[in-house]
Protein backbone atom coordinates (compact mmCIF):
# COMPACT_ATOMS: atom_id res chain seq x y z
CA MET A 1 35.78 3.43 29.87
CA PHE A 2 34.70 2.56 26.03
CA ALA A 3 31.72 4.39 26.41
CA LYS A 4 33.22 7.40 27.36
CA ARG A 5 35.70 7.25 24.71
CA LEU A 6 33.03 6.56 22.14
CA LEU A 7 31.16 9.70 23.55
CA GLN A 8 34.30 11.87 23.08
CA LYS A 9 34.87 10.83 19.87
CA ALA A 10 31.12 11.52 18.46
CA ILE A 11 31.56 15.08 19.97
CA ASN A 12 34.52 15.63 18.31
CA ASN A 13 33.61 14.26 14.91
CA SER A 14 30.23 16.13 14.97
CA GLN A 15 32.24 19.34 15.88
CA HIS A 16 33.64 19.26 12.35
CA ASN A 17 30.13 19.00 10.28
CA LEU A 18 27.56 21.02 13.43
CA PRO A 19 27.38 24.34 14.85
CA ARG A 20 29.35 24.28 18.09
CA GLY A 21 27.06 23.42 21.02
CA SER A 22 23.99 21.87 19.06
CA LEU A 23 25.27 18.11 20.25
CA THR A 24 24.08 17.54 23.67
CA ALA A 25 23.84 14.18 25.69
CA GLU A 26 20.33 13.65 25.08
CA ASP A 27 20.43 13.69 21.60
CA LEU A 28 22.69 10.27 21.88
CA ASP A 29 20.55 8.01 24.04
CA LEU A 30 23.61 6.38 25.07
CA ARG A 31 22.82 2.76 26.82
CA VAL A 32 25.80 0.47 28.35
CA ALA A 33 25.62 -2.88 27.03
CA VAL A 34 28.29 -5.63 27.61
CA HIS A 35 28.47 -8.56 26.03
CA TYR A 36 31.59 -11.07 25.21
CA GLY A 37 31.76 -13.74 22.21
CA ILE A 38 29.47 -14.52 19.52
CA PRO A 39 25.57 -13.94 20.19
CA SER A 40 23.76 -17.02 20.48
CA THR A 41 20.76 -15.57 18.49
CA ALA A 42 23.11 -14.57 15.54
CA SER A 43 21.36 -15.20 12.22
CA ILE A 44 23.13 -12.95 9.59
CA LEU A 45 26.75 -11.89 8.87
CA ALA A 46 28.45 -8.97 7.25
CA PHE A 47 32.09 -8.25 6.50
CA ASP A 48 33.97 -5.53 5.47
CA PRO A 49 37.30 -6.67 4.01
CA ILE A 50 39.31 -3.19 4.03
CA GLN A 51 38.63 -2.15 7.88
CA ARG A 52 38.52 -6.14 8.71
CA LEU A 53 35.56 -5.70 10.59
CA LEU A 54 32.68 -8.59 10.93
CA ALA A 55 29.01 -7.68 11.80
CA ILE A 56 26.61 -10.22 13.14
CA GLY A 57 22.83 -9.69 13.15
CA THR A 58 20.77 -11.34 15.84
CA VAL A 59 16.93 -12.13 16.03
CA ASP A 60 16.55 -9.66 18.90
CA GLY A 61 17.54 -6.81 17.15
CA ARG A 62 21.28 -6.33 18.00
CA ILE A 63 24.31 -6.37 15.72
CA LYS A 64 27.75 -6.91 17.30
CA VAL A 65 30.95 -5.99 15.50
CA ILE A 66 34.01 -7.32 15.91
CA GLY A 67 37.34 -6.24 14.55
CA GLY A 68 41.23 -6.80 14.70
CA ASP A 69 43.00 -5.38 17.79
CA GLY A 70 40.47 -6.47 20.17
CA ILE A 71 37.57 -4.06 18.73
CA GLU A 72 33.95 -5.19 19.83
CA GLY A 73 31.06 -2.90 19.73
CA LEU A 74 27.36 -3.95 20.42
CA PHE A 75 24.48 -2.12 18.69
CA ILE A 76 21.00 -2.35 19.76
CA SER A 77 18.24 -1.50 17.55
CA PRO A 78 15.28 -0.04 19.59
CA LYS A 79 12.89 -2.66 17.93
CA GLN A 80 13.38 -6.22 19.15
CA LEU A 81 13.25 -7.78 15.41
CA PRO A 82 15.03 -10.13 13.13
CA TYR A 83 17.69 -8.39 10.86
CA LYS A 84 16.92 -9.44 7.22
CA TYR A 85 20.05 -7.37 5.30
CA ILE A 86 23.09 -6.02 6.80
CA GLU A 87 26.05 -4.55 4.81
CA PHE A 88 29.22 -2.25 5.13
CA LEU A 89 29.55 0.66 2.79
CA GLN A 90 33.27 -0.52 2.32
CA ASN A 91 35.72 1.49 3.88
CA GLN A 92 33.16 4.29 4.86
CA GLY A 93 32.39 3.66 8.29
CA TYR A 94 28.98 3.11 7.54
CA LEU A 95 26.85 -0.20 8.57
CA VAL A 96 23.29 -0.30 6.90
CA SER A 97 20.77 -2.69 8.42
CA ILE A 98 17.42 -3.76 7.59
CA LEU A 99 14.95 -5.28 10.32
CA ASN A 100 12.36 -7.39 9.15
CA ASP A 101 9.52 -4.72 8.86
CA ASN A 102 11.59 -2.67 6.59
CA ASP A 103 13.12 -0.25 8.94
CA ILE A 104 16.34 0.87 7.70
CA GLN A 105 19.17 1.94 9.73
CA VAL A 106 22.55 3.07 9.21
CA CYS A 107 25.26 3.39 12.29
CA TRP A 108 28.38 5.08 12.03
CA ARG A 109 31.94 4.97 13.00
């Protein structure tokens, strides 16, 4: 259910910025992963006080985002490397992360 709502939101948001029909399911590369609680391999934290979101980076390339109202999300990097830096761009909806091999990733809401 969560993945379906996330996909619908991504498609609705993209319709404002992209030409109609340009976003397909193949462009998103969605994978369903389920995790409850704090990851046992947590290594770095970031907090956005305005949106009240906590991001937890792990040593195996995952970021768990926890917020109010039971919001939880899990981002999985294609590379299974530790994060050396993560930060929210305050109240912008972006989470910037840097892996140990200096690969920069940007996640958006």
